Amino acid sequence: RGEIKLYGELDSLRRKMGRSGVVI
């Protein structure tokens, strides 16, 4: 909608925005 909602290094954004999880 004409506004930047997210911006930056992809790896950093994934760590920051996503839930850190453990898969076994």
PDBML (XML) file of the C-alpha atoms, coordinates in Angstrom:
<?xml version="1.0" encoding="UTF-8" ?>
<PDBx:datablock datablockName="MODEL"
   xmlns:PDBx="http://pdbml.pdb.org/schema/pdbx-v50.xsd"
   xmlns:xsi="http://www.w3.org/2001/XMLSchema-instance"
   xsi:schemaLocation="http://pdbml.pdb.org/schema/pdbx-v50.xsd pdbx-v50.xsd">
   <PDBx:atom_siteCategory>
      <PDBx:atom_site id="1">
         <PDBx:B_iso_or_equiv>0.00</PDBx:B_iso_or_equiv>
         <PDBx:Cartn_x>0.000</PDBx:Cartn_x>
         <PDBx:Cartn_y>0.000</PDBx:Cartn_y>
         <PDBx:Cartn_z>0.000</PDBx:Cartn_z>
         <PDBx:auth_asym_id>A</PDBx:auth_asym_id>
         <PDBx:auth_atom_id>CA</PDBx:auth_atom_id>
         <PDBx:auth_comp_id>ARG</PDBx:auth_comp_id>
         <PDBx:auth_seq_id>1</PDBx:auth_seq_id>
         <PDBx:group_PDB>ATOM</PDBx:group_PDB>
         <PDBx:label_alt_id xsi:nil="true" />
         <PDBx:label_asym_id>A</PDBx:label_asym_id>
         <PDBx:label_atom_id>CA</PDBx:label_atom_id>
         <PDBx:label_comp_id>ARG</PDBx:label_comp_id>
         <PDBx:label_entity_id>1</PDBx:label_entity_id>
         <PDBx:label_seq_id>1</PDBx:label_seq_id>
         <PDBx:occupancy>1.00</PDBx:occupancy>
         <PDBx:pdbx_PDB_model_num>1</PDBx:pdbx_PDB_model_num>
         <PDBx:type_symbol>C</PDBx:type_symbol>
      </PDBx:atom_site>
      <PDBx:atom_site id="2">
         <PDBx:B_iso_or_equiv>0.00</PDBx:B_iso_or_equiv>
         <PDBx:Cartn_x>2.790</PDBx:Cartn_x>
         <PDBx:Cartn_y>2.377</PDBx:Cartn_y>
         <PDBx:Cartn_z>-0.928</PDBx:Cartn_z>
         <PDBx:auth_asym_id>A</PDBx:auth_asym_id>
         <PDBx:auth_atom_id>CA</PDBx:auth_atom_id>
         <PDBx:auth_comp_id>GLY</PDBx:auth_comp_id>
         <PDBx:auth_seq_id>2</PDBx:auth_seq_id>
         <PDBx:group_PDB>ATOM</PDBx:group_PDB>
         <PDBx:label_alt_id xsi:nil="true" />
         <PDBx:label_asym_id>A</PDBx:label_asym_id>
         <PDBx:label_atom_id>CA</PDBx:label_atom_id>
         <PDBx:label_comp_id>GLY</PDBx:label_comp_id>
         <PDBx:label_entity_id>1</PDBx:label_entity_id>
         <PDBx:label_seq_id>2</PDBx:label_seq_id>
         <PDBx:occupancy>1.00</PDBx:occupancy>
         <PDBx:pdbx_PDB_model_num>1</PDBx:pdbx_PDB_model_num>
         <PDBx:type_symbol>C</PDBx:type_symbol>
      </PDBx:atom_site>
      <PDBx:atom_site id="3">
         <PDBx:B_iso_or_equiv>0.00</PDBx:B_iso_or_equiv>
         <PDBx:Cartn_x>4.770</PDBx:Cartn_x>
         <PDBx:Cartn_y>2.017</PDBx:Cartn_y>
         <PDBx:Cartn_z>2.306</PDBx:Cartn_z>
         <PDBx:auth_asym_id>A</PDBx:auth_asym_id>
         <PDBx:auth_atom_id>CA</PDBx:auth_atom_id>
         <PDBx:auth_comp_id>GLU</PDBx:auth_comp_id>
         <PDBx:auth_seq_id>3</PDBx:auth_seq_id>
         <PDBx:group_PDB>ATOM</PDBx:group_PDB>
         <PDBx:label_alt_id xsi:nil="true" />
         <PDBx:label_asym_id>A</PDBx:label_asym_id>
         <PDBx:label_atom_id>CA</PDBx:label_atom_id>
         <PDBx:label_comp_id>GLU</PDBx:label_comp_id>
         <PDBx:label_entity_id>1</PDBx:label_entity_id>
         <PDBx:label_seq_id>3</PDBx:label_seq_id>
         <PDBx:occupancy>1.00</PDBx:occupancy>
         <PDBx:pdbx_PDB_model_num>1</PDBx:pdbx_PDB_model_num>
         <PDBx:type_symbol>C</PDBx:type_symbol>
      </PDBx:atom_site>
      <PDBx:atom_site id="4">
         <PDBx:B_iso_or_equiv>0.00</PDBx:B_iso_or_equiv>
         <PDBx:Cartn_x>7.919</PDBx:Cartn_x>
         <PDBx:Cartn_y>0.040</PDBx:Cartn_y>
         <PDBx:Cartn_z>3.146</PDBx:Cartn_z>
         <PDBx:auth_asym_id>A</PDBx:auth_asym_id>
         <PDBx:auth_atom_id>CA</PDBx:auth_atom_id>
         <PDBx:auth_comp_id>ILE</PDBx:auth_comp_id>
         <PDBx:auth_seq_id>4</PDBx:auth_seq_id>
         <PDBx:group_PDB>ATOM</PDBx:group_PDB>
         <PDBx:label_alt_id xsi:nil="true" />
         <PDBx:label_asym_id>A</PDBx:label_asym_id>
         <PDBx:label_atom_id>CA</PDBx:label_atom_id>
         <PDBx:label_comp_id>ILE</PDBx:label_comp_id>
         <PDBx:label_entity_id>1</PDBx:label_entity_id>
         <PDBx:label_seq_id>4</PDBx:label_seq_id>
         <PDBx:occupancy>1.00</PDBx:occupancy>
         <PDBx:pdbx_PDB_model_num>1</PDBx:pdbx_PDB_model_num>
         <PDBx:type_symbol>C</PDBx:type_symbol>
      </PDBx:atom_site>
      <PDBx:atom_site id="5">
         <PDBx:B_iso_or_equiv>0.00</PDBx:B_iso_or_equiv>
         <PDBx:Cartn_x>6.925</PDBx:Cartn_x>
         <PDBx:Cartn_y>-2.486</PDBx:Cartn_y>
         <PDBx:Cartn_z>5.801</PDBx:Cartn_z>
         <PDBx:auth_asym_id>A</PDBx:auth_asym_id>
         <PDBx:auth_atom_id>CA</PDBx:auth_atom_id>
         <PDBx:auth_comp_id>LYS</PDBx:auth_comp_id>
         <PDBx:auth_seq_id>5</PDBx:auth_seq_id>
         <PDBx:group_PDB>ATOM</PDBx:group_PDB>
         <PDBx:label_alt_id xsi:nil="true" />
         <PDBx:label_asym_id>A</PDBx:label_asym_id>
         <PDBx:label_atom_id>CA</PDBx:label_atom_id>
         <PDBx:label_comp_id>LYS</PDBx:label_comp_id>
         <PDBx:label_entity_id>1</PDBx:label_entity_id>
         <PDBx:label_seq_id>5</PDBx:label_seq_id>
         <PDBx:occupancy>1.00</PDBx:occupancy>
         <PDBx:pdbx_PDB_model_num>1</PDBx:pdbx_PDB_model_num>
         <PDBx:type_symbol>C</PDBx:type_symbol>
      </PDBx:atom_site>
      <PDBx:atom_site id="6">
         <PDBx:B_iso_or_equiv>0.00</PDBx:B_iso_or_equiv>
         <PDBx:Cartn_x>10.149</PDBx:Cartn_x>
         <PDBx:Cartn_y>-4.457</PDBx:Cartn_y>
         <PDBx:Cartn_z>6.082</PDBx:Cartn_z>
         <PDBx:auth_asym_id>A</PDBx:auth_asym_id>
         <PDBx:auth_atom_id>CA</PDBx:auth_atom_id>
         <PDBx:auth_comp_id>LEU</PDBx:auth_comp_id>
         <PDBx:auth_seq_id>6</PDBx:auth_seq_id>
         <PDBx:group_PDB>ATOM</PDBx:group_PDB>
         <PDBx:label_alt_id xsi:nil="true" />
         <PDBx:label_asym_id>A</PDBx:label_asym_id>
         <PDBx:label_atom_id>CA</PDBx:label_atom_id>
         <PDBx:label_comp_id>LEU</PDBx:label_comp_id>
         <PDBx:label_entity_id>1</PDBx:label_entity_id>
         <PDBx:label_seq_id>6</PDBx:label_seq_id>
         <PDBx:occupancy>1.00</PDBx:occupancy>
         <PDBx:pdbx_PDB_model_num>1</PDBx:pdbx_PDB_model_num>
         <PDBx:type_symbol>C</PDBx:type_symbol>
      </PDBx:atom_site>
      <PDBx:atom_site id="7">
         <PDBx:B_iso_or_equiv>0.00</PDBx:B_iso_or_equiv>
         <PDBx:Cartn_x>13.700</PDBx:Cartn_x>
         <PDBx:Cartn_y>-3.649</PDBx:Cartn_y>
         <PDBx:Cartn_z>5.007</PDBx:Cartn_z>
         <PDBx:auth_asym_id>A</PDBx:auth_asym_id>
         <PDBx:auth_atom_id>CA</PDBx:auth_atom_id>
         <PDBx:auth_comp_id>TYR</PDBx:auth_comp_id>
         <PDBx:auth_seq_id>7</PDBx:auth_seq_id>
         <PDBx:group_PDB>ATOM</PDBx:group_PDB>
         <PDBx:label_alt_id xsi:nil="true" />
         <PDBx:label_asym_id>A</PDBx:label_asym_id>
         <PDBx:label_atom_id>CA</PDBx:label_atom_id>
         <PDBx:label_comp_id>TYR</PDBx:label_comp_id>
         <PDBx:label_entity_id>1</PDBx:label_entity_id>
         <PDBx:label_seq_id>7</PDBx:label_seq_id>
         <PDBx:occupancy>1.00</PDBx:occupancy>
         <PDBx:pdbx_PDB_model_num>1</PDBx:pdbx_PDB_model_num>
         <PDBx:type_symbol>C</PDBx:type_symbol>
      </PDBx:atom_site>
      <PDBx:atom_site id="8">
         <PDBx:B_iso_or_equiv>0.00</PDBx:B_iso_or_equiv>
         <PDBx:Cartn_x>17.188</PDBx:Cartn_x>
         <PDBx:Cartn_y>-4.926</PDBx:Cartn_y>
         <PDBx:Cartn_z>5.679</PDBx:Cartn_z>
         <PDBx:auth_asym_id>A</PDBx:auth_asym_id>
         <PDBx:auth_atom_id>CA</PDBx:auth_atom_id>
         <PDBx:auth_comp_id>GLY</PDBx:auth_comp_id>
         <PDBx:auth_seq_id>8</PDBx:auth_seq_id>
         <PDBx:group_PDB>ATOM</PDBx:group_PDB>
         <PDBx:label_alt_id xsi:nil="true" />
         <PDBx:label_asym_id>A</PDBx:label_asym_id>
         <PDBx:label_atom_id>CA</PDBx:label_atom_id>
         <PDBx:label_comp_id>GLY</PDBx:label_comp_id>
         <PDBx:label_entity_id>1</PDBx:label_entity_id>
         <PDBx:label_seq_id>8</PDBx:label_seq_id>
         <PDBx:occupancy>1.00</PDBx:occupancy>
         <PDBx:pdbx_PDB_model_num>1</PDBx:pdbx_PDB_model_num>
         <PDBx:type_symbol>C</PDBx:type_symbol>
      </PDBx:atom_site>
      <PDBx:atom_site id="9">
         <PDBx:B_iso_or_equiv>0.00</PDBx:B_iso_or_equiv>
         <PDBx:Cartn_x>19.513</PDBx:Cartn_x>
         <PDBx:Cartn_y>-7.927</PDBx:Cartn_y>
         <PDBx:Cartn_z>5.605</PDBx:Cartn_z>
         <PDBx:auth_asym_id>A</PDBx:auth_asym_id>
         <PDBx:auth_atom_id>CA</PDBx:auth_atom_id>
         <PDBx:auth_comp_id>GLU</PDBx:auth_comp_id>
         <PDBx:auth_seq_id>9</PDBx:auth_seq_id>
         <PDBx:group_PDB>ATOM</PDBx:group_PDB>
         <PDBx:label_alt_id xsi:nil="true" />
         <PDBx:label_asym_id>A</PDBx:label_asym_id>
         <PDBx:label_atom_id>CA</PDBx:label_atom_id>
         <PDBx:label_comp_id>GLU</PDBx:label_comp_id>
         <PDBx:label_entity_id>1</PDBx:label_entity_id>
         <PDBx:label_seq_id>9</PDBx:label_seq_id>
         <PDBx:occupancy>1.00</PDBx:occupancy>
         <PDBx:pdbx_PDB_model_num>1</PDBx:pdbx_PDB_model_num>
         <PDBx:type_symbol>C</PDBx:type_symbol>
      </PDBx:atom_site>
      <PDBx:atom_site id="10">
         <PDBx:B_iso_or_equiv>0.00</PDBx:B_iso_or_equiv>
         <PDBx:Cartn_x>17.481</PDBx:Cartn_x>
         <PDBx:Cartn_y>-11.026</PDBx:Cartn_y>
         <PDBx:Cartn_z>4.853</PDBx:Cartn_z>
         <PDBx:auth_asym_id>A</PDBx:auth_asym_id>
         <PDBx:auth_atom_id>CA</PDBx:auth_atom_id>
         <PDBx:auth_comp_id>LEU</PDBx:auth_comp_id>
         <PDBx:auth_seq_id>10</PDBx:auth_seq_id>
         <PDBx:group_PDB>ATOM</PDBx:group_PDB>
         <PDBx:label_alt_id xsi:nil="true" />
         <PDBx:label_asym_id>A</PDBx:label_asym_id>
         <PDBx:label_atom_id>CA</PDBx:label_atom_id>
         <PDBx:label_comp_id>LEU</PDBx:label_comp_id>
         <PDBx:label_entity_id>1</PDBx:label_entity_id>
         <PDBx:label_seq_id>10</PDBx:label_seq_id>
         <PDBx:occupancy>1.00</PDBx:occupancy>
         <PDBx:pdbx_PDB_model_num>1</PDBx:pdbx_PDB_model_num>
         <PDBx:type_symbol>C</PDBx:type_symbol>
      </PDBx:atom_site>
      <PDBx:atom_site id="11">
         <PDBx:B_iso_or_equiv>0.00</PDBx:B_iso_or_equiv>
         <PDBx:Cartn_x>19.270</PDBx:Cartn_x>
         <PDBx:Cartn_y>-13.307</PDBx:Cartn_y>
         <PDBx:Cartn_z>7.315</PDBx:Cartn_z>
         <PDBx:auth_asym_id>A</PDBx:auth_asym_id>
         <PDBx:auth_atom_id>CA</PDBx:auth_atom_id>
         <PDBx:auth_comp_id>ASP</PDBx:auth_comp_id>
         <PDBx:auth_seq_id>11</PDBx:auth_seq_id>
         <PDBx:group_PDB>ATOM</PDBx:group_PDB>
         <PDBx:label_alt_id xsi:nil="true" />
         <PDBx:label_asym_id>A</PDBx:label_asym_id>
         <PDBx:label_atom_id>CA</PDBx:label_atom_id>
         <PDBx:label_comp_id>ASP</PDBx:label_comp_id>
         <PDBx:label_entity_id>1</PDBx:label_entity_id>
         <PDBx:label_seq_id>11</PDBx:label_seq_id>
         <PDBx:occupancy>1.00</PDBx:occupancy>
         <PDBx:pdbx_PDB_model_num>1</PDBx:pdbx_PDB_model_num>
         <PDBx:type_symbol>C</PDBx:type_symbol>
      </PDBx:atom_site>
      <PDBx:atom_site id="12">
         <PDBx:B_iso_or_equiv>0.00</PDBx:B_iso_or_equiv>
         <PDBx:Cartn_x>18.955</PDBx:Cartn_x>
         <PDBx:Cartn_y>-10.745</PDBx:Cartn_y>
         <PDBx:Cartn_z>10.117</PDBx:Cartn_z>
         <PDBx:auth_asym_id>A</PDBx:auth_asym_id>
         <PDBx:auth_atom_id>CA</PDBx:auth_atom_id>
         <PDBx:auth_comp_id>SER</PDBx:auth_comp_id>
         <PDBx:auth_seq_id>12</PDBx:auth_seq_id>
         <PDBx:group_PDB>ATOM</PDBx:group_PDB>
         <PDBx:label_alt_id xsi:nil="true" />
         <PDBx:label_asym_id>A</PDBx:label_asym_id>
         <PDBx:label_atom_id>CA</PDBx:label_atom_id>
         <PDBx:label_comp_id>SER</PDBx:label_comp_id>
         <PDBx:label_entity_id>1</PDBx:label_entity_id>
         <PDBx:label_seq_id>12</PDBx:label_seq_id>
         <PDBx:occupancy>1.00</PDBx:occupancy>
         <PDBx:pdbx_PDB_model_num>1</PDBx:pdbx_PDB_model_num>
         <PDBx:type_symbol>C</PDBx:type_symbol>
      </PDBx:atom_site>
      <PDBx:atom_site id="13">
         <PDBx:B_iso_or_equiv>0.00</PDBx:B_iso_or_equiv>
         <PDBx:Cartn_x>15.275</PDBx:Cartn_x>
         <PDBx:Cartn_y>-10.232</PDBx:Cartn_y>
         <PDBx:Cartn_z>9.373</PDBx:Cartn_z>
         <PDBx:auth_asym_id>A</PDBx:auth_asym_id>
         <PDBx:auth_atom_id>CA</PDBx:auth_atom_id>
         <PDBx:auth_comp_id>LEU</PDBx:auth_comp_id>
         <PDBx:auth_seq_id>13</PDBx:auth_seq_id>
         <PDBx:group_PDB>ATOM</PDBx:group_PDB>
         <PDBx:label_alt_id xsi:nil="true" />
         <PDBx:label_asym_id>A</PDBx:label_asym_id>
         <PDBx:label_atom_id>CA</PDBx:label_atom_id>
         <PDBx:label_comp_id>LEU</PDBx:label_comp_id>
         <PDBx:label_entity_id>1</PDBx:label_entity_id>
         <PDBx:label_seq_id>13</PDBx:label_seq_id>
         <PDBx:occupancy>1.00</PDBx:occupancy>
         <PDBx:pdbx_PDB_model_num>1</PDBx:pdbx_PDB_model_num>
         <PDBx:type_symbol>C</PDBx:type_symbol>
      </PDBx:atom_site>
      <PDBx:atom_site id="14">
         <PDBx:B_iso_or_equiv>0.00</PDBx:B_iso_or_equiv>
         <PDBx:Cartn_x>14.646</PDBx:Cartn_x>
         <PDBx:Cartn_y>-13.977</PDBx:Cartn_y>
         <PDBx:Cartn_z>9.455</PDBx:Cartn_z>
         <PDBx:auth_asym_id>A</PDBx:auth_asym_id>
         <PDBx:auth_atom_id>CA</PDBx:auth_atom_id>
         <PDBx:auth_comp_id>ARG</PDBx:auth_comp_id>
         <PDBx:auth_seq_id>14</PDBx:auth_seq_id>
         <PDBx:group_PDB>ATOM</PDBx:group_PDB>
         <PDBx:label_alt_id xsi:nil="true" />
         <PDBx:label_asym_id>A</PDBx:label_asym_id>
         <PDBx:label_atom_id>CA</PDBx:label_atom_id>
         <PDBx:label_comp_id>ARG</PDBx:label_comp_id>
         <PDBx:label_entity_id>1</PDBx:label_entity_id>
         <PDBx:label_seq_id>14</PDBx:label_seq_id>
         <PDBx:occupancy>1.00</PDBx:occupancy>
         <PDBx:pdbx_PDB_model_num>1</PDBx:pdbx_PDB_model_num>
         <PDBx:type_symbol>C</PDBx:type_symbol>
      </PDBx:atom_site>
      <PDBx:atom_site id="15">
         <PDBx:B_iso_or_equiv>0.00</PDBx:B_iso_or_equiv>
         <PDBx:Cartn_x>16.264</PDBx:Cartn_x>
         <PDBx:Cartn_y>-14.220</PDBx:Cartn_y>
         <PDBx:Cartn_z>12.887</PDBx:Cartn_z>
         <PDBx:auth_asym_id>A</PDBx:auth_asym_id>
         <PDBx:auth_atom_id>CA</PDBx:auth_atom_id>
         <PDBx:auth_comp_id>ARG</PDBx:auth_comp_id>
         <PDBx:auth_seq_id>15</PDBx:auth_seq_id>
         <PDBx:group_PDB>ATOM</PDBx:group_PDB>
         <PDBx:label_alt_id xsi:nil="true" />
         <PDBx:label_asym_id>A</PDBx:label_asym_id>
         <PDBx:label_atom_id>CA</PDBx:label_atom_id>
         <PDBx:label_comp_id>ARG</PDBx:label_comp_id>
         <PDBx:label_entity_id>1</PDBx:label_entity_id>
         <PDBx:label_seq_id>15</PDBx:label_seq_id>
         <PDBx:occupancy>1.00</PDBx:occupancy>
         <PDBx:pdbx_PDB_model_num>1</PDBx:pdbx_PDB_model_num>
         <PDBx:type_symbol>C</PDBx:type_symbol>
      </PDBx:atom_site>
      <PDBx:atom_site id="16">
         <PDBx:B_iso_or_equiv>0.00</PDBx:B_iso_or_equiv>
         <PDBx:Cartn_x>14.508</PDBx:Cartn_x>
         <PDBx:Cartn_y>-11.126</PDBx:Cartn_y>
         <PDBx:Cartn_z>14.181</PDBx:Cartn_z>
         <PDBx:auth_asym_id>A</PDBx:auth_asym_id>
         <PDBx:auth_atom_id>CA</PDBx:auth_atom_id>
         <PDBx:auth_comp_id>LYS</PDBx:auth_comp_id>
         <PDBx:auth_seq_id>16</PDBx:auth_seq_id>
         <PDBx:group_PDB>ATOM</PDBx:group_PDB>
         <PDBx:label_alt_id xsi:nil="true" />
         <PDBx:label_asym_id>A</PDBx:label_asym_id>
         <PDBx:label_atom_id>CA</PDBx:label_atom_id>
         <PDBx:label_comp_id>LYS</PDBx:label_comp_id>
         <PDBx:label_entity_id>1</PDBx:label_entity_id>
         <PDBx:label_seq_id>16</PDBx:label_seq_id>
         <PDBx:occupancy>1.00</PDBx:occupancy>
         <PDBx:pdbx_PDB_model_num>1</PDBx:pdbx_PDB_model_num>
         <PDBx:type_symbol>C</PDBx:type_symbol>
      </PDBx:atom_site>
      <PDBx:atom_site id="17">
         <PDBx:B_iso_or_equiv>0.00</PDBx:B_iso_or_equiv>
         <PDBx:Cartn_x>11.040</PDBx:Cartn_x>
         <PDBx:Cartn_y>-11.619</PDBx:Cartn_y>
         <PDBx:Cartn_z>12.744</PDBx:Cartn_z>
         <PDBx:auth_asym_id>A</PDBx:auth_asym_id>
         <PDBx:auth_atom_id>CA</PDBx:auth_atom_id>
         <PDBx:auth_comp_id>MET</PDBx:auth_comp_id>
         <PDBx:auth_seq_id>17</PDBx:auth_seq_id>
         <PDBx:group_PDB>ATOM</PDBx:group_PDB>
         <PDBx:label_alt_id xsi:nil="true" />
         <PDBx:label_asym_id>A</PDBx:label_asym_id>
         <PDBx:label_atom_id>CA</PDBx:label_atom_id>
         <PDBx:label_comp_id>MET</PDBx:label_comp_id>
         <PDBx:label_entity_id>1</PDBx:label_entity_id>
         <PDBx:label_seq_id>17</PDBx:label_seq_id>
         <PDBx:occupancy>1.00</PDBx:occupancy>
         <PDBx:pdbx_PDB_model_num>1</PDBx:pdbx_PDB_model_num>
         <PDBx:type_symbol>C</PDBx:type_symbol>
      </PDBx:atom_site>
      <PDBx:atom_site id="18">
         <PDBx:B_iso_or_equiv>0.00</PDBx:B_iso_or_equiv>
         <PDBx:Cartn_x>10.772</PDBx:Cartn_x>
         <PDBx:Cartn_y>-15.396</PDBx:Cartn_y>
         <PDBx:Cartn_z>12.812</PDBx:Cartn_z>
         <PDBx:auth_asym_id>A</PDBx:auth_asym_id>
         <PDBx:auth_atom_id>CA</PDBx:auth_atom_id>
         <PDBx:auth_comp_id>GLY</PDBx:auth_comp_id>
         <PDBx:auth_seq_id>18</PDBx:auth_seq_id>
         <PDBx:group_PDB>ATOM</PDBx:group_PDB>
         <PDBx:label_alt_id xsi:nil="true" />
         <PDBx:label_asym_id>A</PDBx:label_asym_id>
         <PDBx:label_atom_id>CA</PDBx:label_atom_id>
         <PDBx:label_comp_id>GLY</PDBx:label_comp_id>
         <PDBx:label_entity_id>1</PDBx:label_entity_id>
         <PDBx:label_seq_id>18</PDBx:label_seq_id>
         <PDBx:occupancy>1.00</PDBx:occupancy>
         <PDBx:pdbx_PDB_model_num>1</PDBx:pdbx_PDB_model_num>
         <PDBx:type_symbol>C</PDBx:type_symbol>
      </PDBx:atom_site>
      <PDBx:atom_site id="19">
         <PDBx:B_iso_or_equiv>0.00</PDBx:B_iso_or_equiv>
         <PDBx:Cartn_x>10.289</PDBx:Cartn_x>
         <PDBx:Cartn_y>-17.682</PDBx:Cartn_y>
         <PDBx:Cartn_z>15.746</PDBx:Cartn_z>
         <PDBx:auth_asym_id>A</PDBx:auth_asym_id>
         <PDBx:auth_atom_id>CA</PDBx:auth_atom_id>
         <PDBx:auth_comp_id>ARG</PDBx:auth_comp_id>
         <PDBx:auth_seq_id>19</PDBx:auth_seq_id>
         <PDBx:group_PDB>ATOM</PDBx:group_PDB>
         <PDBx:label_alt_id xsi:nil="true" />
         <PDBx:label_asym_id>A</PDBx:label_asym_id>
         <PDBx:label_atom_id>CA</PDBx:label_atom_id>
         <PDBx:label_comp_id>ARG</PDBx:label_comp_id>
         <PDBx:label_entity_id>1</PDBx:label_entity_id>
         <PDBx:label_seq_id>19</PDBx:label_seq_id>
         <PDBx:occupancy>1.00</PDBx:occupancy>
         <PDBx:pdbx_PDB_model_num>1</PDBx:pdbx_PDB_model_num>
         <PDBx:type_symbol>C</PDBx:type_symbol>
      </PDBx:atom_site>
      <PDBx:atom_site id="20">
         <PDBx:B_iso_or_equiv>0.00</PDBx:B_iso_or_equiv>
         <PDBx:Cartn_x>13.578</PDBx:Cartn_x>
         <PDBx:Cartn_y>-19.325</PDBx:Cartn_y>
         <PDBx:Cartn_z>16.650</PDBx:Cartn_z>
         <PDBx:auth_asym_id>A</PDBx:auth_asym_id>
         <PDBx:auth_atom_id>CA</PDBx:auth_atom_id>
         <PDBx:auth_comp_id>SER</PDBx:auth_comp_id>
         <PDBx:auth_seq_id>20</PDBx:auth_seq_id>
         <PDBx:group_PDB>ATOM</PDBx:group_PDB>
         <PDBx:label_alt_id xsi:nil="true" />
         <PDBx:label_asym_id>A</PDBx:label_asym_id>
         <PDBx:label_atom_id>CA</PDBx:label_atom_id>
         <PDBx:label_comp_id>SER</PDBx:label_comp_id>
         <PDBx:label_entity_id>1</PDBx:label_entity_id>
         <PDBx:label_seq_id>20</PDBx:label_seq_id>
         <PDBx:occupancy>1.00</PDBx:occupancy>
         <PDBx:pdbx_PDB_model_num>1</PDBx:pdbx_PDB_model_num>
         <PDBx:type_symbol>C</PDBx:type_symbol>
      </PDBx:atom_site>
      <PDBx:atom_site id="21">
         <PDBx:B_iso_or_equiv>0.00</PDBx:B_iso_or_equiv>
         <PDBx:Cartn_x>12.948</PDBx:Cartn_x>
         <PDBx:Cartn_y>-23.036</PDBx:Cartn_y>
         <PDBx:Cartn_z>16.723</PDBx:Cartn_z>
         <PDBx:auth_asym_id>A</PDBx:auth_asym_id>
         <PDBx:auth_atom_id>CA</PDBx:auth_atom_id>
         <PDBx:auth_comp_id>GLY</PDBx:auth_comp_id>
         <PDBx:auth_seq_id>21</PDBx:auth_seq_id>
         <PDBx:group_PDB>ATOM</PDBx:group_PDB>
         <PDBx:label_alt_id xsi:nil="true" />
         <PDBx:label_asym_id>A</PDBx:label_asym_id>
         <PDBx:label_atom_id>CA</PDBx:label_atom_id>
         <PDBx:label_comp_id>GLY</PDBx:label_comp_id>
         <PDBx:label_entity_id>1</PDBx:label_entity_id>
         <PDBx:label_seq_id>21</PDBx:label_seq_id>
         <PDBx:occupancy>1.00</PDBx:occupancy>
         <PDBx:pdbx_PDB_model_num>1</PDBx:pdbx_PDB_model_num>
         <PDBx:type_symbol>C</PDBx:type_symbol>
      </PDBx:atom_site>
      <PDBx:atom_site id="22">
         <PDBx:B_iso_or_equiv>0.00</PDBx:B_iso_or_equiv>
         <PDBx:Cartn_x>14.524</PDBx:Cartn_x>
         <PDBx:Cartn_y>-26.430</PDBx:Cartn_y>
         <PDBx:Cartn_z>17.170</PDBx:Cartn_z>
         <PDBx:auth_asym_id>A</PDBx:auth_asym_id>
         <PDBx:auth_atom_id>CA</PDBx:auth_atom_id>
         <PDBx:auth_comp_id>VAL</PDBx:auth_comp_id>
         <PDBx:auth_seq_id>22</PDBx:auth_seq_id>
         <PDBx:group_PDB>ATOM</PDBx:group_PDB>
         <PDBx:label_alt_id xsi:nil="true" />
         <PDBx:label_asym_id>A</PDBx:label_asym_id>
         <PDBx:label_atom_id>CA</PDBx:label_atom_id>
         <PDBx:label_comp_id>VAL</PDBx:label_comp_id>
         <PDBx:label_entity_id>1</PDBx:label_entity_id>
         <PDBx:label_seq_id>22</PDBx:label_seq_id>
         <PDBx:occupancy>1.00</PDBx:occupancy>
         <PDBx:pdbx_PDB_model_num>1</PDBx:pdbx_PDB_model_num>
         <PDBx:type_symbol>C</PDBx:type_symbol>
      </PDBx:atom_site>
      <PDBx:atom_site id="23">
         <PDBx:B_iso_or_equiv>0.00</PDBx:B_iso_or_equiv>
         <PDBx:Cartn_x>13.651</PDBx:Cartn_x>
         <PDBx:Cartn_y>-29.353</PDBx:Cartn_y>
         <PDBx:Cartn_z>14.912</PDBx:Cartn_z>
         <PDBx:auth_asym_id>A</PDBx:auth_asym_id>
         <PDBx:auth_atom_id>CA</PDBx:auth_atom_id>
         <PDBx:auth_comp_id>VAL</PDBx:auth_comp_id>
         <PDBx:auth_seq_id>23</PDBx:auth_seq_id>
         <PDBx:group_PDB>ATOM</PDBx:group_PDB>
         <PDBx:label_alt_id xsi:nil="true" />
         <PDBx:label_asym_id>A</PDBx:label_asym_id>
         <PDBx:label_atom_id>CA</PDBx:label_atom_id>
         <PDBx:label_comp_id>VAL</PDBx:label_comp_id>
         <PDBx:label_entity_id>1</PDBx:label_entity_id>
         <PDBx:label_seq_id>23</PDBx:label_seq_id>
         <PDBx:occupancy>1.00</PDBx:occupancy>
         <PDBx:pdbx_PDB_model_num>1</PDBx:pdbx_PDB_model_num>
         <PDBx:type_symbol>C</PDBx:type_symbol>
      </PDBx:atom_site>
      <PDBx:atom_site id="24">
         <PDBx:B_iso_or_equiv>0.00</PDBx:B_iso_or_equiv>
         <PDBx:Cartn_x>14.564</PDBx:Cartn_x>
         <PDBx:Cartn_y>-32.915</PDBx:Cartn_y>
         <PDBx:Cartn_z>15.875</PDBx:Cartn_z>
         <PDBx:auth_asym_id>A</PDBx:auth_asym_id>
         <PDBx:auth_atom_id>CA</PDBx:auth_atom_id>
         <PDBx:auth_comp_id>ILE</PDBx:auth_comp_id>
         <PDBx:auth_seq_id>24</PDBx:auth_seq_id>
         <PDBx:group_PDB>ATOM</PDBx:group_PDB>
         <PDBx:label_alt_id xsi:nil="true" />
         <PDBx:label_asym_id>A</PDBx:label_asym_id>
         <PDBx:label_atom_id>CA</PDBx:label_atom_id>
         <PDBx:label_comp_id>ILE</PDBx:label_comp_id>
         <PDBx:label_entity_id>1</PDBx:label_entity_id>
         <PDBx:label_seq_id>24</PDBx:label_seq_id>
         <PDBx:occupancy>1.00</PDBx:occupancy>
         <PDBx:pdbx_PDB_model_num>1</PDBx:pdbx_PDB_model_num>
         <PDBx:type_symbol>C</PDBx:type_symbol>
      </PDBx:atom_site>
   </PDBx:atom_siteCategory>
</PDBx:datablock>
